[in-house]
C-alpha atoms as a PDB file:
ATOM      1  CA  MET A   1     -49.521 -14.610 -46.743  1.00  0.00           C
ATOM      2  CA  ALA A   2     -45.797 -13.834 -46.759  1.00  0.00           C
ATOM      3  CA  ASN A   3     -46.419 -10.240 -47.914  1.00  0.00           C
ATOM      4  CA  THR A   4     -48.873  -9.311 -45.155  1.00  0.00           C
ATOM      5  CA  PRO A   5     -47.320  -7.467 -42.220  1.00  0.00           C
ATOM      6  CA  ALA A   6     -47.749  -8.981 -38.781  1.00  0.00           C
ATOM      7  CA  ASN A   7     -49.372  -6.889 -36.060  1.00  0.00           C
ATOM      8  CA  ARG A   8     -47.261  -8.426 -33.340  1.00  0.00           C
ATOM      9  CA  PRO A   9     -43.610  -8.212 -32.355  1.00  0.00           C
ATOM     10  CA  LEU A  10     -41.339 -10.755 -33.993  1.00  0.00           C
ATOM     11  CA  SER A  11     -39.487 -11.438 -30.742  1.00  0.00           C
ATOM     12  CA  PRO A  12     -40.107 -10.648 -27.072  1.00  0.00           C
ATOM     13  CA  HIS A  13     -39.938  -6.919 -26.664  1.00  0.00           C
ATOM     14  CA  LEU A  14     -38.827  -5.011 -23.576  1.00  0.00           C
ATOM     15  CA  SER A  15     -42.377  -3.784 -22.986  1.00  0.00           C
ATOM     16  CA  ILE A  16     -43.724  -7.315 -22.522  1.00  0.00           C
ATOM     17  CA  TYR A  17     -40.635  -9.104 -21.205  1.00  0.00           C
ATOM     18  CA  ARG A  18     -40.231  -9.402 -17.436  1.00  0.00           C
ATOM     19  CA  PRO A  19     -36.527  -9.640 -16.511  1.00  0.00           C
ATOM     20  CA  GLN A  20     -35.688 -12.653 -14.404  1.00  0.00           C
ATOM     21  CA  ILE A  21     -32.858 -12.986 -11.902  1.00  0.00           C
ATOM     22  CA  VAL A  22     -31.083 -15.451 -14.181  1.00  0.00           C
ATOM     23  CA  SER A  23     -30.947 -12.980 -17.072  1.00  0.00           C
ATOM     24  CA  ILE A  24     -30.084 -10.077 -14.782  1.00  0.00           C
ATOM     25  CA  SER A  25     -27.235 -12.038 -13.199  1.00  0.00           C
ATOM     26  CA  SER A  26     -25.897 -12.875 -16.654  1.00  0.00           C
ATOM     27  CA  ILE A  27     -25.899  -9.193 -17.580  1.00  0.00           C
ATOM     28  CA  LEU A  28     -24.296  -8.256 -14.233  1.00  0.00           C
ATOM     29  CA  THR A  29     -21.530 -10.793 -14.798  1.00  0.00           C
ATOM     30  CA  ARG A  30     -20.636  -9.121 -18.072  1.00  0.00           C
ATOM     31  CA  ILE A  31     -20.826  -5.628 -16.576  1.00  0.00           C
ATOM     32  CA  THR A  32     -18.672  -6.521 -13.570  1.00  0.00           C
ATOM     33  CA  GLY A  33     -16.133  -8.242 -15.786  1.00  0.00           C
ATOM     34  CA  ASN A  34     -15.708  -5.079 -17.846  1.00  0.00           C
ATOM     35  CA  ALA A  35     -15.686  -2.869 -14.751  1.00  0.00           C
ATOM     36  CA  LEU A  36     -12.899  -4.993 -13.262  1.00  0.00           C
ATOM     37  CA  ILE A  37     -10.740  -4.127 -16.270  1.00  0.00           C
ATOM     38  CA  ILE A  38     -11.059  -0.453 -15.343  1.00  0.00           C
ATOM     39  CA  SER A  39     -10.305  -1.266 -11.698  1.00  0.00           C
ATOM     40  CA  ALA A  40      -7.193  -3.178 -12.758  1.00  0.00           C
ATOM     41  CA  LEU A  41      -6.070  -0.203 -14.837  1.00  0.00           C
ATOM     42  CA  LEU A  42      -6.497   2.058 -11.806  1.00  0.00           C
ATOM     43  CA  LEU A  43      -4.390  -0.324  -9.744  1.00  0.00           C
ATOM     44  CA  VAL A  44      -1.673  -0.363 -12.424  1.00  0.00           C
ATOM     45  CA  TRP A  45      -1.799   3.451 -12.556  1.00  0.00           C
ATOM     46  CA  TRP A  46      -1.284   3.580  -8.778  1.00  0.00           C
ATOM     47  CA  LEU A  47       1.648   1.120  -8.936  1.00  0.00           C
ATOM     48  CA  LEU A  48       3.282   2.997 -11.822  1.00  0.00           C
ATOM     49  CA  ALA A  49       2.899   6.238  -9.897  1.00  0.00           C
ATOM     50  CA  ALA A  50       4.608   4.632  -6.908  1.00  0.00           C
ATOM     51  CA  ALA A  51       7.485   3.590  -9.155  1.00  0.00           C
ATOM     52  CA  THR A  52       7.697   6.991 -10.854  1.00  0.00           C
ATOM     53  CA  GLY A  53       8.301   9.227  -7.868  1.00  0.00           C
ATOM     54  CA  PRO A  54       6.866  10.709  -4.693  1.00  0.00           C
ATOM     55  CA  ASP A  55       5.247  13.754  -6.307  1.00  0.00           C
ATOM     56  CA  TYR A  56       3.310  11.799  -8.924  1.00  0.00           C
ATOM     57  CA  TYR A  57       2.463   9.114  -6.369  1.00  0.00           C
ATOM     58  CA  ALA A  58       1.019  11.759  -4.048  1.00  0.00           C
ATOM     59  CA  THR A  59      -1.206  13.008  -6.866  1.00  0.00           C
ATOM     60  CA  VAL A  60      -2.464   9.564  -7.864  1.00  0.00           C
ATOM     61  CA  ASN A  61      -2.856   8.463  -4.247  1.00  0.00           C
ATOM     62  CA  GLY A  62      -4.846  11.636  -3.573  1.00  0.00           C
ATOM     63  CA  VAL A  63      -7.227  10.747  -6.390  1.00  0.00           C
ATOM     64  CA  LEU A  64      -7.659   7.131  -5.314  1.00  0.00           C
ATOM     65  CA  THR A  65      -8.130   7.968  -1.623  1.00  0.00           C
ATOM     66  CA  SER A  66     -10.606  10.807  -2.226  1.00  0.00           C
ATOM     67  CA  TRP A  67     -14.308  10.206  -1.661  1.00  0.00           C
ATOM     68  CA  PHE A  68     -14.708   9.433  -5.357  1.00  0.00           C
ATOM     69  CA  GLY A  69     -11.754   7.042  -5.315  1.00  0.00           C
ATOM     70  CA  ASP A  70     -13.147   5.336  -2.213  1.00  0.00           C
ATOM     71  CA  LEU A  71     -16.493   4.936  -3.957  1.00  0.00           C
ATOM     72  CA  VAL A  72     -14.855   3.500  -7.064  1.00  0.00           C
ATOM     73  CA  MET A  73     -12.782   1.060  -4.988  1.00  0.00           C
ATOM     74  CA  ALA A  74     -15.807  -0.009  -2.927  1.00  0.00           C
ATOM     75  CA  LEU A  75     -17.780  -0.664  -6.119  1.00  0.00           C
ATOM     76  CA  SER A  76     -14.737  -2.509  -7.483  1.00  0.00           C
ATOM     77  CA  ALA A  77     -14.802  -4.760  -4.434  1.00  0.00           C
ATOM     78  CA  LEU A  78     -18.510  -5.384  -5.013  1.00  0.00           C
ATOM     79  CA  GLY A  79     -17.841  -6.194  -8.658  1.00  0.00           C
ATOM     80  CA  LEU A  80     -14.948  -8.470  -7.766  1.00  0.00           C
ATOM     81  CA  TRP A  81     -16.983 -10.456  -5.252  1.00  0.00           C
ATOM     82  CA  TYR A  82     -19.974 -10.688  -7.596  1.00  0.00           C
ATOM     83  CA  HIS A  83     -17.840 -11.818 -10.512  1.00  0.00           C
ATOM     84  CA  PHE A  84     -16.109 -14.395  -8.300  1.00  0.00           C
ATOM     85  CA  LEU A  85     -19.397 -15.838  -7.027  1.00  0.00           C
ATOM     86  CA  ALA A  86     -20.885 -15.854 -10.529  1.00  0.00           C
ATOM     87  CA  GLY A  87     -17.819 -17.756 -11.719  1.00  0.00           C
ATOM     88  CA  LEU A  88     -18.346 -20.344  -8.989  1.00  0.00           C
ATOM     89  CA  ARG A  89     -21.981 -20.586 -10.039  1.00  0.00           C
ATOM     90  CA  HIS A  90     -20.957 -21.246 -13.626  1.00  0.00           C
ATOM     91  CA  LEU A  91     -18.504 -23.920 -12.511  1.00  0.00           C
ATOM     92  CA  TYR A  92     -21.430 -25.554 -10.720  1.00  0.00           C
ATOM     93  CA  TYR A  93     -23.501 -25.277 -13.906  1.00  0.00           C
ATOM     94  CA  ASP A  94     -20.654 -26.822 -15.920  1.00  0.00           C
ATOM     95  CA  SER A  95     -20.851 -29.912 -13.733  1.00  0.00           C
ATOM     96  CA  GLY A  96     -24.399 -30.403 -15.018  1.00  0.00           C
ATOM     97  CA  ARG A  97     -26.084 -29.462 -11.746  1.00  0.00           C
ATOM     98  CA  GLY A  98     -28.294 -26.522 -10.828  1.00  0.00           C
ATOM     99  CA  LEU A  99     -29.743 -26.089 -14.300  1.00  0.00           C
ATOM    100  CA  ASP A 100     -33.387 -26.296 -13.259  1.00  0.00           C
ATOM    101  CA  VAL A 101     -35.200 -22.953 -12.950  1.00  0.00           C
ATOM    102  CA  PRO A 102     -35.741 -22.852  -9.147  1.00  0.00           C
ATOM    103  CA  THR A 103     -32.100 -23.708  -8.419  1.00  0.00           C
ATOM    104  CA  ALA A 104     -30.825 -21.242 -11.017  1.00  0.00           C
ATOM    105  CA  GLU A 105     -32.953 -18.499  -9.457  1.00  0.00           C
ATOM    106  CA  ARG A 106     -31.688 -19.314  -5.955  1.00  0.00           C
ATOM    107  CA  LEU A 107     -28.095 -19.276  -7.185  1.00  0.00           C
ATOM    108  CA  GLY A 108     -28.658 -15.916  -8.893  1.00  0.00           C
ATOM    109  CA  TRP A 109     -29.961 -14.399  -5.672  1.00  0.00           C
ATOM    110  CA  ALA A 110     -27.132 -16.048  -3.732  1.00  0.00           C
ATOM    111  CA  CYS A 111     -24.609 -14.295  -5.983  1.00  0.00           C
ATOM    112  CA  VAL A 112     -26.252 -10.902  -5.464  1.00  0.00           C
ATOM    113  CA  ILE A 113     -26.762 -11.218  -1.708  1.00  0.00           C
ATOM    114  CA  GLY A 114     -23.436 -12.971  -1.140  1.00  0.00           C
ATOM    115  CA  SER A 115     -21.500 -10.288  -3.002  1.00  0.00           C
ATOM    116  CA  VAL A 116     -23.106  -7.526  -0.918  1.00  0.00           C
ATOM    117  CA  ILE A 117     -22.334  -9.359   2.339  1.00  0.00           C
ATOM    118  CA  LEU A 118     -18.746 -10.117   1.298  1.00  0.00           C
ATOM    119  CA  THR A 119     -18.233  -6.497   0.204  1.00  0.00           C
ATOM    120  CA  VAL A 120     -19.441  -5.199   3.558  1.00  0.00           C
ATOM    121  CA  ILE A 121     -17.104  -7.625   5.357  1.00  0.00           C
ATOM    122  CA  THR A 122     -14.228  -6.550   3.105  1.00  0.00           C
ATOM    123  CA  LEU A 123     -14.888  -2.857   3.749  1.00  0.00           C
ATOM    124  CA  ILE A 124     -15.038  -3.454   7.504  1.00  0.00           C
ATOM    125  CA  ILE A 125     -11.756  -5.371   7.486  1.00  0.00           C
ATOM    126  CA  VAL A 126      -9.927  -2.974   5.168  1.00  0.00           C
END
């Protein structure tokens, strides 16, 4: 019996697995955390350019205020808000609450929707 190959996958495969908001929000938390490292490096680059001199600062500031730089900074704001809300969600989980499936799904959607709303507010204010 141990030598006969199985005709089924050994674990859930992507073709039969339906992603849920809880798993997607977990993946997004990891992605936004790594993206925030790049955003922080861009901020440090901008500050170092300001300390270096006006010519280099003008170059770096031109990059960060171009349409591409604006897009990167807007997505950084989205990532920052999402990561913040996901952190609050995990603090709530750590208290032992919200661990049932319906509540976890609502909190996942709240992180996604809340981060979009807070990003729009941030972009309007800034």
